[in-house]
Amino acid sequence: MPPPKATPKVNVAPRLPPLPKLRVRRPNKAEVNPCAGIMASVLGCWASNGQSAEGCVALEQQLRACMDIPVSQQFLKTAGNSPDA
């Protein structure tokens, strides 16, 4: 008598219950960091003048001021899908 044939197992995704309302936050947009442009300027200044260059002090202070702002104020202020919107 031949051995029984093994049937391949098929992975099926589990079904979720229906949702009354589905919200998607920024589906196709990466989060934009407002400090990224200033940081690029600081890094470029350091690359061309050296890390302890006096000409980069103003850019470093702008970057520090930008980085000191809490994330919730920077990102959620303009978010289209913010919880209070």
N, C-alpha and C. Protein backbone atom coordinates (compact mmCIF):
# COMPACT_ATOMS: atom_id res chain seq x y z
N MET A 1 0.84 -1.16 0.00
CA MET A 1 0.00 0.00 0.00
C MET A 1 0.90 1.25 0.00
N PRO A 2 0.71 2.21 -0.93
CA PRO A 2 1.56 3.41 -1.01
C PRO A 2 1.25 4.37 0.15
N PRO A 3 2.27 5.15 0.58
CA PRO A 3 2.03 6.11 1.67
C PRO A 3 1.10 7.22 1.20
N PRO A 4 0.34 7.82 2.13
CA PRO A 4 -0.58 8.89 1.72
C PRO A 4 0.21 10.12 1.26
N LYS A 5 -0.34 10.82 0.28
CA LYS A 5 0.32 12.00 -0.28
C LYS A 5 0.13 13.18 0.67
N ALA A 6 1.21 13.90 0.87
CA ALA A 6 1.14 15.08 1.73
C ALA A 6 0.60 16.25 0.92
N THR A 7 -0.39 16.91 1.45
CA THR A 7 -0.95 18.08 0.76
C THR A 7 -0.22 19.32 1.25
N PRO A 8 0.17 20.20 0.35
CA PRO A 8 0.88 21.41 0.78
C PRO A 8 -0.06 22.33 1.56
N LYS A 9 0.45 22.91 2.63
CA LYS A 9 -0.35 23.81 3.42
C LYS A 9 -0.30 25.20 2.80
N VAL A 10 -1.45 25.82 2.74
CA VAL A 10 -1.56 27.15 2.16
C VAL A 10 -1.76 28.13 3.31
N ASN A 11 -0.88 29.13 3.40
CA ASN A 11 -1.03 30.14 4.43
C ASN A 11 -2.09 31.14 4.00
N VAL A 12 -3.12 31.26 4.78
CA VAL A 12 -4.20 32.19 4.50
C VAL A 12 -4.17 33.27 5.57
N ALA A 13 -4.24 34.51 5.14
CA ALA A 13 -4.24 35.62 6.09
C ALA A 13 -5.53 35.57 6.91
N PRO A 14 -5.43 35.84 8.21
CA PRO A 14 -6.64 35.81 9.02
C PRO A 14 -7.57 36.96 8.65
N ARG A 15 -8.84 36.72 8.73
CA ARG A 15 -9.85 37.73 8.42
C ARG A 15 -10.08 38.57 9.66
N LEU A 16 -10.16 39.88 9.47
CA LEU A 16 -10.42 40.79 10.58
C LEU A 16 -11.88 41.21 10.55
N PRO A 17 -12.42 41.56 11.72
CA PRO A 17 -13.81 42.02 11.72
C PRO A 17 -13.91 43.36 11.01
N PRO A 18 -15.07 43.68 10.45
CA PRO A 18 -15.21 44.96 9.74
C PRO A 18 -15.07 46.15 10.69
N LEU A 19 -14.47 47.20 10.19
CA LEU A 19 -14.28 48.41 10.97
C LEU A 19 -15.31 49.45 10.54
N PRO A 20 -15.89 50.18 11.49
CA PRO A 20 -16.87 51.18 11.09
C PRO A 20 -16.23 52.35 10.35
N LYS A 21 -14.99 52.68 10.70
CA LYS A 21 -14.30 53.80 10.06
C LYS A 21 -12.81 53.54 10.11
N LEU A 22 -12.15 53.62 8.98
CA LEU A 22 -10.72 53.39 8.91
C LEU A 22 -10.02 54.69 8.60
N ARG A 23 -9.04 55.03 9.43
CA ARG A 23 -8.27 56.25 9.20
C ARG A 23 -6.84 55.88 8.87
N VAL A 24 -6.30 56.53 7.87
CA VAL A 24 -4.91 56.33 7.48
C VAL A 24 -4.21 57.66 7.61
N ARG A 25 -3.14 57.67 8.38
CA ARG A 25 -2.37 58.90 8.57
C ARG A 25 -1.28 58.99 7.53
N ARG A 26 -1.30 60.05 6.75
CA ARG A 26 -0.29 60.32 5.73
C ARG A 26 0.11 59.05 4.98
N PRO A 27 -0.74 58.51 4.16
CA PRO A 27 -0.48 57.21 3.56
C PRO A 27 0.74 57.15 2.65
N ASN A 28 0.99 58.18 1.87
CA ASN A 28 2.09 58.12 0.91
C ASN A 28 3.13 59.20 1.13
N LYS A 29 3.13 59.79 2.30
CA LYS A 29 4.08 60.86 2.55
C LYS A 29 5.03 60.48 3.68
N ALA A 30 6.29 60.72 3.46
CA ALA A 30 7.25 60.54 4.53
C ALA A 30 7.17 61.76 5.45
N GLU A 31 7.46 61.54 6.72
CA GLU A 31 7.42 62.66 7.64
C GLU A 31 8.57 63.61 7.32
N VAL A 32 8.23 64.86 7.20
CA VAL A 32 9.21 65.87 6.85
C VAL A 32 9.76 66.48 8.13
N ASN A 33 11.06 66.47 8.26
CA ASN A 33 11.69 67.06 9.42
C ASN A 33 12.05 68.50 9.07
N PRO A 34 11.50 69.48 9.77
CA PRO A 34 11.78 70.87 9.44
C PRO A 34 13.24 71.26 9.69
N CYS A 35 13.95 70.49 10.50
CA CYS A 35 15.35 70.80 10.80
C CYS A 35 16.33 70.18 9.81
N ALA A 36 15.84 69.39 8.87
CA ALA A 36 16.73 68.69 7.95
C ALA A 36 17.50 69.65 7.05
N GLY A 37 16.86 70.71 6.58
CA GLY A 37 17.55 71.68 5.72
C GLY A 37 18.66 72.41 6.45
N ILE A 38 18.38 72.81 7.69
CA ILE A 38 19.41 73.50 8.48
C ILE A 38 20.55 72.54 8.80
N MET A 39 20.21 71.29 9.11
CA MET A 39 21.26 70.31 9.41
C MET A 39 22.15 70.08 8.19
N ALA A 40 21.56 70.02 7.01
CA ALA A 40 22.36 69.85 5.79
C ALA A 40 23.29 71.04 5.59
N SER A 41 22.81 72.24 5.91
CA SER A 41 23.65 73.43 5.79
C SER A 41 24.81 73.39 6.77
N VAL A 42 24.54 72.94 8.01
CA VAL A 42 25.61 72.84 9.01
C VAL A 42 26.65 71.81 8.57
N LEU A 43 26.20 70.67 8.11
CA LEU A 43 27.14 69.63 7.68
C LEU A 43 27.96 70.08 6.47
N GLY A 44 27.33 70.80 5.56
CA GLY A 44 28.07 71.33 4.41
C GLY A 44 29.09 72.37 4.83
N CYS A 45 28.74 73.21 5.80
CA CYS A 45 29.67 74.21 6.30
C CYS A 45 30.86 73.53 6.98
N TRP A 46 30.56 72.52 7.79
CA TRP A 46 31.64 71.79 8.46
C TRP A 46 32.54 71.09 7.44
N ALA A 47 31.94 70.54 6.39
CA ALA A 47 32.73 69.81 5.40
C ALA A 47 33.67 70.74 4.64
N SER A 48 33.22 71.97 4.39
CA SER A 48 34.06 72.87 3.62
C SER A 48 35.01 73.71 4.48
N ASN A 49 34.64 73.98 5.73
CA ASN A 49 35.46 74.86 6.57
C ASN A 49 36.09 74.19 7.77
N GLY A 50 35.71 73.00 8.08
CA GLY A 50 36.20 72.34 9.28
C GLY A 50 35.16 72.44 10.39
N GLN A 51 35.17 71.49 11.31
CA GLN A 51 34.11 71.41 12.31
C GLN A 51 34.12 72.57 13.29
N SER A 52 35.26 73.13 13.59
CA SER A 52 35.32 74.21 14.57
C SER A 52 35.42 75.58 13.89
N ALA A 53 34.91 75.70 12.69
CA ALA A 53 34.99 76.95 11.95
C ALA A 53 34.07 78.00 12.56
N GLU A 54 34.54 79.22 12.61
CA GLU A 54 33.75 80.32 13.19
C GLU A 54 32.59 80.71 12.28
N GLY A 55 32.70 80.47 11.00
CA GLY A 55 31.64 80.84 10.06
C GLY A 55 30.40 79.99 10.20
N CYS A 56 30.49 78.86 10.88
CA CYS A 56 29.36 77.95 11.02
C CYS A 56 28.57 78.19 12.30
N VAL A 57 28.98 79.12 13.11
CA VAL A 57 28.35 79.33 14.43
C VAL A 57 26.88 79.72 14.28
N ALA A 58 26.57 80.60 13.35
CA ALA A 58 25.19 81.04 13.17
C ALA A 58 24.30 79.88 12.74
N LEU A 59 24.80 79.03 11.85
CA LEU A 59 24.03 77.87 11.42
C LEU A 59 23.84 76.87 12.57
N GLU A 60 24.88 76.70 13.38
CA GLU A 60 24.78 75.79 14.52
C GLU A 60 23.73 76.29 15.51
N GLN A 61 23.67 77.59 15.73
CA GLN A 61 22.67 78.14 16.65
C GLN A 61 21.26 77.98 16.09
N GLN A 62 21.10 78.14 14.78
CA GLN A 62 19.78 77.92 14.17
C GLN A 62 19.35 76.47 14.32
N LEU A 63 20.30 75.55 14.14
CA LEU A 63 19.99 74.14 14.28
C LEU A 63 19.62 73.81 15.72
N ARG A 64 20.35 74.35 16.68
CA ARG A 64 20.02 74.11 18.08
C ARG A 64 18.63 74.63 18.41
N ALA A 65 18.29 75.82 17.93
CA ALA A 65 16.97 76.38 18.20
C ALA A 65 15.88 75.51 17.57
N CYS A 66 16.13 75.00 16.38
CA CYS A 66 15.15 74.14 15.72
C CYS A 66 14.99 72.82 16.46
N MET A 67 16.10 72.24 16.90
CA MET A 67 16.06 70.95 17.58
C MET A 67 15.47 71.05 18.99
N ASP A 68 15.48 72.24 19.58
CA ASP A 68 14.93 72.42 20.92
C ASP A 68 13.41 72.47 20.93
N ILE A 69 12.78 72.70 19.78
CA ILE A 69 11.33 72.72 19.70
C ILE A 69 10.83 71.29 19.85
N PRO A 70 9.86 71.06 20.75
CA PRO A 70 9.35 69.70 20.93
C PRO A 70 8.74 69.14 19.63
N VAL A 71 8.84 67.85 19.45
CA VAL A 71 8.39 67.20 18.22
C VAL A 71 6.90 67.40 18.02
N SER A 72 6.13 67.38 19.08
CA SER A 72 4.68 67.50 18.93
C SER A 72 4.30 68.85 18.32
N GLN A 73 5.02 69.90 18.64
CA GLN A 73 4.72 71.21 18.08
C GLN A 73 5.18 71.31 16.63
N GLN A 74 6.30 70.69 16.29
CA GLN A 74 6.82 70.77 14.93
C GLN A 74 5.95 69.99 13.95
N PHE A 75 5.61 68.74 14.27
CA PHE A 75 4.95 67.86 13.31
C PHE A 75 3.44 67.94 13.38
N LEU A 76 2.86 67.98 14.56
CA LEU A 76 1.41 67.89 14.67
C LEU A 76 0.72 69.20 14.35
N LYS A 77 1.45 70.29 14.33
CA LYS A 77 0.83 71.58 14.05
C LYS A 77 0.25 71.61 12.64
N THR A 78 0.91 70.96 11.68
CA THR A 78 0.46 71.00 10.29
C THR A 78 -0.11 69.68 9.82
N ALA A 79 -0.26 68.71 10.71
CA ALA A 79 -0.73 67.39 10.29
C ALA A 79 -2.18 67.44 9.87
N GLY A 80 -2.50 66.89 8.73
CA GLY A 80 -3.86 66.88 8.22
C GLY A 80 -4.75 65.91 8.98
N ASN A 81 -4.18 64.85 9.50
CA ASN A 81 -4.96 63.84 10.20
C ASN A 81 -4.70 63.89 11.71
N SER A 82 -4.45 65.04 12.25
CA SER A 82 -4.20 65.13 13.68
C SER A 82 -5.46 64.74 14.44
N PRO A 83 -5.32 64.22 15.67
CA PRO A 83 -6.47 63.75 16.41
C PRO A 83 -7.52 64.84 16.66
N ASP A 84 -7.12 66.09 16.79
CA ASP A 84 -8.08 67.14 17.05
C ASP A 84 -8.64 67.76 15.77
N ALA A 85 -8.23 67.25 14.61
CA ALA A 85 -8.74 67.80 13.34
C ALA A 85 -10.00 67.10 12.92
